[in-house]
C-alpha atoms as a PDB file:
ATOM      1  CA  MET A   1      13.935  -1.813 -11.406  1.00  0.00           C
ATOM      2  CA  PRO A   2      12.108   2.040 -12.493  1.00  0.00           C
ATOM      3  CA  LEU A   3       9.888   2.068 -15.380  1.00  0.00           C
ATOM      4  CA  ALA A   4       9.233   5.627 -16.606  1.00  0.00           C
ATOM      5  CA  VAL A   5       6.432   6.039 -19.164  1.00  0.00           C
ATOM      6  CA  TRP A   6       5.786   9.013 -21.207  1.00  0.00           C
ATOM      7  CA  THR A   7       2.269   9.084 -23.148  1.00  0.00           C
ATOM      8  CA  ASP A   8       0.807  11.272 -25.687  1.00  0.00           C
ATOM      9  CA  SER A   9      -2.622  11.981 -26.807  1.00  0.00           C
ATOM     10  CA  PRO A  10      -3.190  12.321 -30.464  1.00  0.00           C
ATOM     11  CA  ASP A  11      -3.290  15.878 -30.952  1.00  0.00           C
ATOM     12  CA  VAL A  12      -0.107  16.988 -28.805  1.00  0.00           C
ATOM     13  CA  PRO A  13       2.680  18.352 -30.843  1.00  0.00           C
ATOM     14  CA  ASN A  14       4.873  15.597 -30.112  1.00  0.00           C
ATOM     15  CA  GLN A  15       4.773  11.878 -30.275  1.00  0.00           C
ATOM     16  CA  VAL A  16       7.474  10.198 -28.508  1.00  0.00           C
ATOM     17  CA  CYS A  17       9.477   7.117 -29.479  1.00  0.00           C
ATOM     18  CA  LEU A  18       8.386   3.704 -28.148  1.00  0.00           C
ATOM     19  CA  ASN A  19      12.009   3.659 -26.920  1.00  0.00           C
ATOM     20  CA  ALA A  20      11.843   6.831 -25.189  1.00  0.00           C
ATOM     21  CA  ARG A  21      15.377   7.133 -23.774  1.00  0.00           C
ATOM     22  CA  LEU A  22      17.381  10.048 -25.166  1.00  0.00           C
ATOM     23  CA  ARG A  23      18.455   9.510 -28.680  1.00  0.00           C
ATOM     24  CA  GLY A  24      17.536   5.482 -27.973  1.00  0.00           C
ATOM     25  CA  ALA A  25      20.826   5.143 -25.898  1.00  0.00           C
ATOM     26  CA  LYS A  26      20.828   2.236 -23.329  1.00  0.00           C
ATOM     27  CA  MET A  27      21.848   4.215 -20.421  1.00  0.00           C
ATOM     28  CA  HIS A  28      20.071   7.414 -18.944  1.00  0.00           C
ATOM     29  CA  PRO A  29      22.191  10.896 -18.975  1.00  0.00           C
ATOM     30  CA  VAL A  30      23.475  11.447 -15.448  1.00  0.00           C
ATOM     31  CA  ASN A  31      21.729  14.858 -15.548  1.00  0.00           C
ATOM     32  CA  PRO A  32      18.172  14.071 -17.414  1.00  0.00           C
ATOM     33  CA  ASP A  33      17.499  17.667 -17.562  1.00  0.00           C
ATOM     34  CA  SER A  34      20.733  18.865 -18.912  1.00  0.00           C
ATOM     35  CA  ALA A  35      19.562  18.596 -22.896  1.00  0.00           C
ATOM     36  CA  THR A  36      17.801  21.071 -24.682  1.00  0.00           C
ATOM     37  CA  TYR A  37      16.480  18.494 -27.240  1.00  0.00           C
ATOM     38  CA  GLY A  38      14.667  16.383 -24.662  1.00  0.00           C
ATOM     39  CA  GLN A  39      14.359  15.214 -21.141  1.00  0.00           C
ATOM     40  CA  GLY A  40      16.266  12.009 -19.977  1.00  0.00           C
ATOM     41  CA  GLY A  41      14.914   9.488 -17.846  1.00  0.00           C
ATOM     42  CA  TRP A  42      11.769   8.311 -19.419  1.00  0.00           C
ATOM     43  CA  ASP A  43      12.013   4.319 -20.811  1.00  0.00           C
ATOM     44  CA  VAL A  44       9.000   3.973 -22.845  1.00  0.00           C
ATOM     45  CA  GLY A  45       6.874   6.164 -25.122  1.00  0.00           C
ATOM     46  CA  LEU A  46       3.209   5.129 -25.510  1.00  0.00           C
ATOM     47  CA  HIS A  47       0.148   7.020 -27.478  1.00  0.00           C
ATOM     48  CA  PHE A  48      -3.246   6.792 -26.764  1.00  0.00           C
ATOM     49  CA  LYS A  49      -6.545   8.039 -27.641  1.00  0.00           C
ATOM     50  CA  ASN A  50      -8.597   8.001 -24.976  1.00  0.00           C
ATOM     51  CA  PRO A  51      -8.464   6.744 -21.173  1.00  0.00           C
ATOM     52  CA  THR A  52      -9.354   3.428 -22.191  1.00  0.00           C
ATOM     53  CA  GLN A  53      -6.592   2.862 -24.389  1.00  0.00           C
ATOM     54  CA  LEU A  54      -4.109   4.519 -22.278  1.00  0.00           C
ATOM     55  CA  ALA A  55      -5.419   1.985 -19.516  1.00  0.00           C
ATOM     56  CA  ASP A  56      -5.016  -0.964 -21.828  1.00  0.00           C
ATOM     57  CA  GLN A  57      -1.510  -0.155 -22.795  1.00  0.00           C
ATOM     58  CA  LEU A  58      -0.409   0.431 -19.137  1.00  0.00           C
ATOM     59  CA  THR A  59      -1.939  -2.615 -18.213  1.00  0.00           C
ATOM     60  CA  MET A  60       0.013  -4.835 -20.794  1.00  0.00           C
ATOM     61  CA  LEU A  61       3.138  -3.180 -19.455  1.00  0.00           C
ATOM     62  CA  GLN A  62       2.744  -5.327 -16.192  1.00  0.00           C
ATOM     63  CA  SER A  63       3.069  -8.783 -18.329  1.00  0.00           C
ATOM     64  CA  GLN A  64       5.606  -7.697 -21.138  1.00  0.00           C
ATOM     65  CA  THR A  65       7.461  -4.676 -22.093  1.00  0.00           C
ATOM     66  CA  PRO A  66       9.467  -3.390 -25.115  1.00  0.00           C
ATOM     67  CA  ALA A  67      12.736  -5.053 -26.119  1.00  0.00           C
ATOM     68  CA  HIS A  68      14.942  -2.282 -24.902  1.00  0.00           C
ATOM     69  CA  MET A  69      13.639  -2.744 -21.667  1.00  0.00           C
ATOM     70  CA  CYS A  70      15.084  -6.471 -21.255  1.00  0.00           C
ATOM     71  CA  ASP A  71      18.706  -7.290 -19.606  1.00  0.00           C
ATOM     72  CA  SER A  72      19.287 -10.456 -21.696  1.00  0.00           C
ATOM     73  CA  PRO A  73      17.263  -9.414 -24.906  1.00  0.00           C
ATOM     74  CA  ARG A  74      18.636 -12.477 -26.963  1.00  0.00           C
ATOM     75  CA  SER A  75      17.356 -15.053 -24.134  1.00  0.00           C
ATOM     76  CA  SER A  76      14.154 -13.351 -23.173  1.00  0.00           C
ATOM     77  CA  TRP A  77      12.228 -11.775 -26.019  1.00  0.00           C
ATOM     78  CA  SER A  78      11.538 -12.142 -29.856  1.00  0.00           C
ATOM     79  CA  CYS A  79      10.967  -8.968 -31.846  1.00  0.00           C
ATOM     80  CA  ASN A  80       7.680  -8.280 -33.620  1.00  0.00           C
ATOM     81  CA  GLY A  81       7.709  -4.974 -34.830  1.00  0.00           C
ATOM     82  CA  ASP A  82       6.422  -2.325 -31.965  1.00  0.00           C
ATOM     83  CA  GLN A  83       4.860  -5.285 -30.081  1.00  0.00           C
ATOM     84  CA  TRP A  84       5.679  -5.807 -26.370  1.00  0.00           C
ATOM     85  CA  SER A  85       8.233  -8.502 -26.624  1.00  0.00           C
ATOM     86  CA  CYS A  86       9.975  -9.136 -23.097  1.00  0.00           C
ATOM     87  CA  PRO A  87       9.165  -9.900 -19.500  1.00  0.00           C
ATOM     88  CA  ALA A  88       7.880  -7.025 -17.588  1.00  0.00           C
ATOM     89  CA  VAL A  89      10.554  -5.155 -15.152  1.00  0.00           C
ATOM     90  CA  GLY A  90       8.159  -3.954 -12.873  1.00  0.00           C
ATOM     91  CA  LYS A  91       5.204  -1.900 -12.668  1.00  0.00           C
ATOM     92  CA  VAL A  92       5.221   2.075 -13.679  1.00  0.00           C
ATOM     93  CA  THR A  93       7.459   4.087 -11.202  1.00  0.00           C
ATOM     94  CA  ARG A  94       6.837   7.286 -13.028  1.00  0.00           C
ATOM     95  CA  LEU A  95       4.015   8.239 -15.650  1.00  0.00           C
ATOM     96  CA  ALA A  96       3.599  11.294 -17.650  1.00  0.00           C
ATOM     97  CA  ILE A  97      -0.069  11.650 -19.393  1.00  0.00           C
ATOM     98  CA  ASN A  98       0.580  14.425 -22.210  1.00  0.00           C
ATOM     99  CA  ALA A  99      -2.463  16.075 -23.369  1.00  0.00           C
ATOM    100  CA  HIS A 100      -3.971  19.465 -24.087  1.00  0.00           C
ATOM    101  CA  GLY A 101      -5.376  21.098 -20.931  1.00  0.00           C
ATOM    102  CA  VAL A 102      -7.277  24.183 -19.154  1.00  0.00           C
ATOM    103  CA  PRO A 103      -7.607  24.825 -15.714  1.00  0.00           C
ATOM    104  CA  GLY A 104      -9.094  21.531 -14.107  1.00  0.00           C
ATOM    105  CA  THR A 105      -8.992  19.412 -16.998  1.00  0.00           C
ATOM    106  CA  LEU A 106      -6.827  17.170 -18.985  1.00  0.00           C
ATOM    107  CA  TYR A 107      -8.127  16.337 -22.422  1.00  0.00           C
ATOM    108  CA  THR A 108      -7.297  12.917 -22.742  1.00  0.00           C
ATOM    109  CA  GLY A 109      -9.739  12.115 -25.282  1.00  0.00           C
ATOM    110  CA  GLY A 110      -8.702  14.793 -27.595  1.00  0.00           C
ATOM    111  CA  THR A 111      -9.312  18.812 -27.697  1.00  0.00           C
ATOM    112  CA  PRO A 112     -12.863  20.134 -27.684  1.00  0.00           C
ATOM    113  CA  SER A 113     -14.137  21.194 -31.218  1.00  0.00           C
ATOM    114  CA  ALA A 114     -13.228  25.326 -31.294  1.00  0.00           C
ATOM    115  CA  ASP A 115     -16.721  25.410 -33.270  1.00  0.00           C
ATOM    116  CA  LEU A 116     -18.895  24.322 -30.362  1.00  0.00           C
ATOM    117  CA  ALA A 117     -19.554  26.120 -26.948  1.00  0.00           C
ATOM    118  CA  ARG A 118     -19.027  22.760 -25.387  1.00  0.00           C
ATOM    119  CA  ASP A 119     -18.180  19.334 -26.836  1.00  0.00           C
ATOM    120  CA  PRO A 120     -19.624  16.157 -25.124  1.00  0.00           C
ATOM    121  CA  GLU A 121     -17.599  13.898 -26.785  1.00  0.00           C
ATOM    122  CA  LYS A 122     -14.219  15.132 -25.871  1.00  0.00           C
ATOM    123  CA  GLU A 123     -15.697  16.284 -22.013  1.00  0.00           C
ATOM    124  CA  ARG A 124     -16.751  12.499 -21.713  1.00  0.00           C
ATOM    125  CA  LEU A 125     -13.407  11.358 -22.217  1.00  0.00           C
ATOM    126  CA  ALA A 126     -11.559  14.097 -20.639  1.00  0.00           C
ATOM    127  CA  ILE A 127      -9.748  14.209 -16.786  1.00  0.00           C
ATOM    128  CA  SER A 128     -11.846  16.252 -14.796  1.00  0.00           C
ATOM    129  CA  VAL A 129     -13.757  16.489 -11.488  1.00  0.00           C
ATOM    130  CA  GLU A 130     -16.958  15.926 -13.158  1.00  0.00           C
ATOM    131  CA  ASN A 131     -16.048  13.484 -15.461  1.00  0.00           C
ATOM    132  CA  ILE A 132     -14.314  11.020 -13.292  1.00  0.00           C
ATOM    133  CA  PRO A 133     -17.157   8.694 -12.332  1.00  0.00           C
ATOM    134  CA  ASN A 134     -17.529   8.148 -16.272  1.00  0.00           C
ATOM    135  CA  ILE A 135     -13.905   7.034 -16.514  1.00  0.00           C
ATOM    136  CA  ARG A 136     -13.412   6.060 -13.045  1.00  0.00           C
ATOM    137  CA  ALA A 137     -12.621   2.295 -13.909  1.00  0.00           C
ATOM    138  CA  ASP A 138      -9.923   3.323 -16.177  1.00  0.00           C
ATOM    139  CA  LEU A 139      -8.412   5.544 -13.827  1.00  0.00           C
ATOM    140  CA  GLU A 140      -8.475   2.545 -11.442  1.00  0.00           C
ATOM    141  CA  ARG A 141      -6.393   0.429 -13.841  1.00  0.00           C
ATOM    142  CA  ILE A 142      -4.312   3.168 -14.582  1.00  0.00           C
ATOM    143  CA  TYR A 143      -3.619   3.401 -11.111  1.00  0.00           C
ATOM    144  CA  SER A 144      -2.965  -0.471 -10.742  1.00  0.00           C
ATOM    145  CA  ALA A 145      -0.311  -0.247 -13.371  1.00  0.00           C
ATOM    146  CA  THR A 146       1.621   2.241 -11.177  1.00  0.00           C
ATOM    147  CA  ALA A 147       3.687   1.121  -8.244  1.00  0.00           C
ATOM    148  CA  PRO A 148       3.199   2.265  -4.916  1.00  0.00           C
ATOM    149  CA  ASN A 149       4.526   6.161  -4.331  1.00  0.00           C
ATOM    150  CA  ALA A 150       4.660   6.374  -7.976  1.00  0.00           C
ATOM    151  CA  THR A 151       4.833  10.121  -9.723  1.00  0.00           C
ATOM    152  CA  ILE A 152       1.872  10.754 -12.252  1.00  0.00           C
ATOM    153  CA  LEU A 153       2.267  14.180 -14.014  1.00  0.00           C
ATOM    154  CA  LEU A 154      -0.552  15.409 -16.014  1.00  0.00           C
ATOM    155  CA  MET A 155       1.542  17.099 -18.674  1.00  0.00           C
ATOM    156  CA  GLY A 156      -0.989  19.615 -19.987  1.00  0.00           C
ATOM    157  CA  CYS A 157      -1.170  23.468 -19.853  1.00  0.00           C
ATOM    158  CA  ILE A 158      -2.652  24.674 -17.091  1.00  0.00           C
ATOM    159  CA  ALA A 159      -4.535  21.868 -16.027  1.00  0.00           C
ATOM    160  CA  GLY A 160      -3.769  22.429 -12.508  1.00  0.00           C
ATOM    161  CA  GLN A 161      -4.060  26.095 -12.412  1.00  0.00           C
ATOM    162  CA  GLY A 162      -6.229  27.809  -9.857  1.00  0.00           C
ATOM    163  CA  SER A 163      -9.041  26.297  -7.493  1.00  0.00           C
ATOM    164  CA  SER A 164     -10.291  24.167 -10.562  1.00  0.00           C
ATOM    165  CA  GLY A 165      -6.562  22.640 -10.735  1.00  0.00           C
ATOM    166  CA  THR A 166      -6.735  21.967  -6.970  1.00  0.00           C
ATOM    167  CA  GLN A 167     -10.070  20.379  -7.290  1.00  0.00           C
ATOM    168  CA  LEU A 168      -8.963  18.176  -9.838  1.00  0.00           C
ATOM    169  CA  LEU A 169      -5.788  17.148  -7.909  1.00  0.00           C
ATOM    170  CA  ARG A 170      -7.665  16.563  -4.630  1.00  0.00           C
ATOM    171  CA  ALA A 171     -10.370  14.363  -6.617  1.00  0.00           C
ATOM    172  CA  LEU A 172      -7.530  12.242  -8.503  1.00  0.00           C
ATOM    173  CA  ALA A 173      -5.981  11.741  -5.109  1.00  0.00           C
ATOM    174  CA  GLU A 174      -8.936   9.912  -3.709  1.00  0.00           C
ATOM    175  CA  VAL A 175      -8.730   7.639  -6.854  1.00  0.00           C
ATOM    176  CA  TRP A 176      -5.058   7.423  -6.920  1.00  0.00           C
ATOM    177  CA  PRO A 177      -3.933   7.146  -3.427  1.00  0.00           C
ATOM    178  CA  GLN A 178      -0.325   6.865  -2.226  1.00  0.00           C
ATOM    179  CA  ARG A 179       0.691   8.543  -5.398  1.00  0.00           C
ATOM    180  CA  LYS A 180       2.304  11.777  -6.064  1.00  0.00           C
ATOM    181  CA  ILE A 181       0.224  13.982  -8.578  1.00  0.00           C
ATOM    182  CA  VAL A 182       1.425  16.498 -10.276  1.00  0.00           C
ATOM    183  CA  ALA A 183      -0.640  19.101 -12.464  1.00  0.00           C
ATOM    184  CA  PHE A 184       0.774  22.286 -13.905  1.00  0.00           C
ATOM    185  CA  GLU A 185      -0.538  26.220 -13.398  1.00  0.00           C
ATOM    186  CA  THR A 186       1.891  27.501 -16.249  1.00  0.00           C
ATOM    187  CA  ILE A 187       1.824  26.802 -20.153  1.00  0.00           C
ATOM    188  CA  GLY A 188       3.851  23.970 -21.558  1.00  0.00           C
ATOM    189  CA  LEU A 189       5.876  23.841 -24.779  1.00  0.00           C
ATOM    190  CA  GLN A 190       7.279  20.990 -26.904  1.00  0.00           C
ATOM    191  CA  ASN A 191       9.076  21.973 -29.863  1.00  0.00           C
ATOM    192  CA  PRO A 192       8.736  19.344 -32.606  1.00  0.00           C
ATOM    193  CA  LEU A 193      11.753  20.499 -34.688  1.00  0.00           C
ATOM    194  CA  ASP A 194      14.291  20.437 -32.023  1.00  0.00           C
ATOM    195  CA  MET A 195      12.963  17.448 -30.181  1.00  0.00           C
ATOM    196  CA  ALA A 196      12.976  15.286 -33.236  1.00  0.00           C
ATOM    197  CA  ARG A 197      14.805  12.151 -32.945  1.00  0.00           C
ATOM    198  CA  PRO A 198      18.035  12.463 -35.738  1.00  0.00           C
ATOM    199  CA  GLY A 199      17.176   9.846 -38.351  1.00  0.00           C
ATOM    200  CA  MET A 200      13.323   9.407 -37.297  1.00  0.00           C
ATOM    201  CA  TRP A 201      12.379  13.140 -38.134  1.00  0.00           C
ATOM    202  CA  GLU A 202       8.800  12.175 -39.180  1.00  0.00           C
ATOM    203  CA  SER A 203       7.875   9.287 -37.157  1.00  0.00           C
ATOM    204  CA  CYS A 204       8.775  10.255 -33.300  1.00  0.00           C
ATOM    205  CA  THR A 205      10.207  12.638 -31.095  1.00  0.00           C
ATOM    206  CA  GLU A 206      12.290  12.768 -27.562  1.00  0.00           C
ATOM    207  CA  PRO A 207      10.034  12.913 -24.474  1.00  0.00           C
ATOM    208  CA  GLY A 208       9.586  16.115 -22.626  1.00  0.00           C
ATOM    209  CA  MET A 209       7.786  19.321 -21.997  1.00  0.00           C
ATOM    210  CA  ARG A 210       9.327  22.676 -21.078  1.00  0.00           C
ATOM    211  CA  ASP A 211       7.695  24.714 -18.207  1.00  0.00           C
ATOM    212  CA  THR A 212       7.347  28.312 -19.151  1.00  0.00           C
ATOM    213  CA  LEU A 213       6.438  31.438 -16.768  1.00  0.00           C
ATOM    214  CA  ASP A 214       3.349  32.046 -19.080  1.00  0.00           C
ATOM    215  CA  THR A 215       0.021  31.628 -17.106  1.00  0.00           C
ATOM    216  CA  SER A 216      -2.095  32.196 -20.073  1.00  0.00           C
ATOM    217  CA  PRO A 217      -1.619  31.406 -23.939  1.00  0.00           C
ATOM    218  CA  ARG A 218      -0.185  34.437 -25.768  1.00  0.00           C
ATOM    219  CA  ALA A 219      -2.400  36.032 -28.166  1.00  0.00           C
ATOM    220  CA  GLN A 220      -1.806  36.451 -32.112  1.00  0.00           C
ATOM    221  CA  GLY A 221       0.423  39.635 -32.689  1.00  0.00           C
ATOM    222  CA  SER A 222       1.467  39.820 -29.056  1.00  0.00           C
ATOM    223  CA  PRO A 223       4.402  42.085 -28.763  1.00  0.00           C
ATOM    224  CA  GLN A 224       6.368  39.887 -26.475  1.00  0.00           C
ATOM    225  CA  PRO A 225       8.799  37.404 -27.676  1.00  0.00           C
ATOM    226  CA  SER A 226       7.949  33.676 -28.319  1.00  0.00           C
ATOM    227  CA  PRO A 227       8.869  31.325 -25.346  1.00  0.00           C
ATOM    228  CA  LEU A 228      11.051  29.615 -28.208  1.00  0.00           C
ATOM    229  CA  THR A 229      13.583  32.367 -28.070  1.00  0.00           C
ATOM    230  CA  LYS A 230      14.419  30.925 -24.513  1.00  0.00           C
ATOM    231  CA  TRP A 231      14.494  27.419 -25.880  1.00  0.00           C
ATOM    232  CA  ASN A 232      18.567  27.069 -25.415  1.00  0.00           C
ATOM    233  CA  LYS A 233      18.250  28.571 -21.936  1.00  0.00           C
ATOM    234  CA  LEU A 234      17.229  25.590 -19.430  1.00  0.00           C
ATOM    235  CA  ASP A 235      17.687  27.731 -16.356  1.00  0.00           C
ATOM    236  CA  GLU A 236      14.760  30.150 -17.582  1.00  0.00           C
ATOM    237  CA  MET A 237      12.323  27.404 -19.249  1.00  0.00           C
ATOM    238  CA  PRO A 238      13.453  23.963 -17.693  1.00  0.00           C
ATOM    239  CA  TRP A 239      11.680  20.910 -18.314  1.00  0.00           C
ATOM    240  CA  ALA A 240       8.923  20.222 -16.521  1.00  0.00           C
ATOM    241  CA  SER A 241       8.550  17.877 -13.455  1.00  0.00           C
ATOM    242  CA  GLU A 242       7.301  18.128 -10.064  1.00  0.00           C
ATOM    243  CA  THR A 243      10.254  20.280  -9.052  1.00  0.00           C
ATOM    244  CA  SER A 244       9.833  23.169 -11.894  1.00  0.00           C
ATOM    245  CA  ILE A 245       8.228  26.397 -11.393  1.00  0.00           C
ATOM    246  CA  GLY A 246       4.752  25.858 -12.332  1.00  0.00           C
ATOM    247  CA  ALA A 247       4.131  22.604 -11.009  1.00  0.00           C
ATOM    248  CA  LYS A 248       1.128  22.063  -8.607  1.00  0.00           C
ATOM    249  CA  VAL A 249       1.753  18.621  -6.526  1.00  0.00           C
ATOM    250  CA  ILE A 250      -0.579  16.604  -3.872  1.00  0.00           C
ATOM    251  CA  GLU A 251       0.869  13.999  -1.966  1.00  0.00           C
ATOM    252  CA  ASN A 252      -1.508  12.186   0.322  1.00  0.00           C
ATOM    253  CA  GLY A 253      -4.372  14.382   0.253  1.00  0.00           C
ATOM    254  CA  VAL A 254      -2.589  17.561   0.671  1.00  0.00           C
ATOM    255  CA  ILE A 255      -1.055  20.385  -1.760  1.00  0.00           C
ATOM    256  CA  THR A 256       2.566  20.326  -1.360  1.00  0.00           C
ATOM    257  CA  LYS A 257       3.548  22.753  -3.865  1.00  0.00           C
ATOM    258  CA  GLY A 258       2.055  25.335  -6.050  1.00  0.00           C
ATOM    259  CA  LEU A 259       2.397  29.061  -7.543  1.00  0.00           C
ATOM    260  CA  SER A 260      -0.861  30.402  -6.302  1.00  0.00           C
ATOM    261  CA  GLY A 261      -0.732  28.899  -2.646  1.00  0.00           C
ATOM    262  CA  PHE A 262      -4.289  27.203  -2.691  1.00  0.00           C
END
């Protein structure tokens, strides 16, 4: 049974609900990218502060999963708040790691301080070529929690951009073989107001990130309109995925998609 998991670092705009199915429904929509308030197809939402905590939670999913994933809930689970409460349905087939990014880096331990030229603490927790040796054990546990041929998406702005992004994907492909790995060359957009789940406005949101055509952050006072003006135009600003315009994809060590061509 497919198990699609969306994960959020603490400093991204949205924090996805534990039941990540749109509106908490029992069924996925036929077209997962047809709603403007969230992307369908996701099952579970998790939050992490660093790569170790992300690996811990994904490892837990191999033995137990949240109650809404149970086929026969009354006989197979017991409720204990947000704790895992039923037998696992299978390894993760689709994983989104949502964190801020720069070319070649996904900040899975939080965004560096703007007051520092270099923030060693945040860099030591980031997914980057230079830092892979430091977090390799956690990356291997994340890999072990995914199914063969699973898709892993680095949902962070411009982490896949340029040669730095390509080097990151190639380095990850060595740690995560037989996985489709996706990073983005464009700016992603989340809208906490429009993506908030009804009845849970202050606690959690729907999953998803929109893929814009922007390749760099907009400066304050930019004369160009905000991407939010296109929020209701899914044809112009689709949900980010391995097929959306800004995606760079590596499979079996080969870059199969990318705007820049390298």
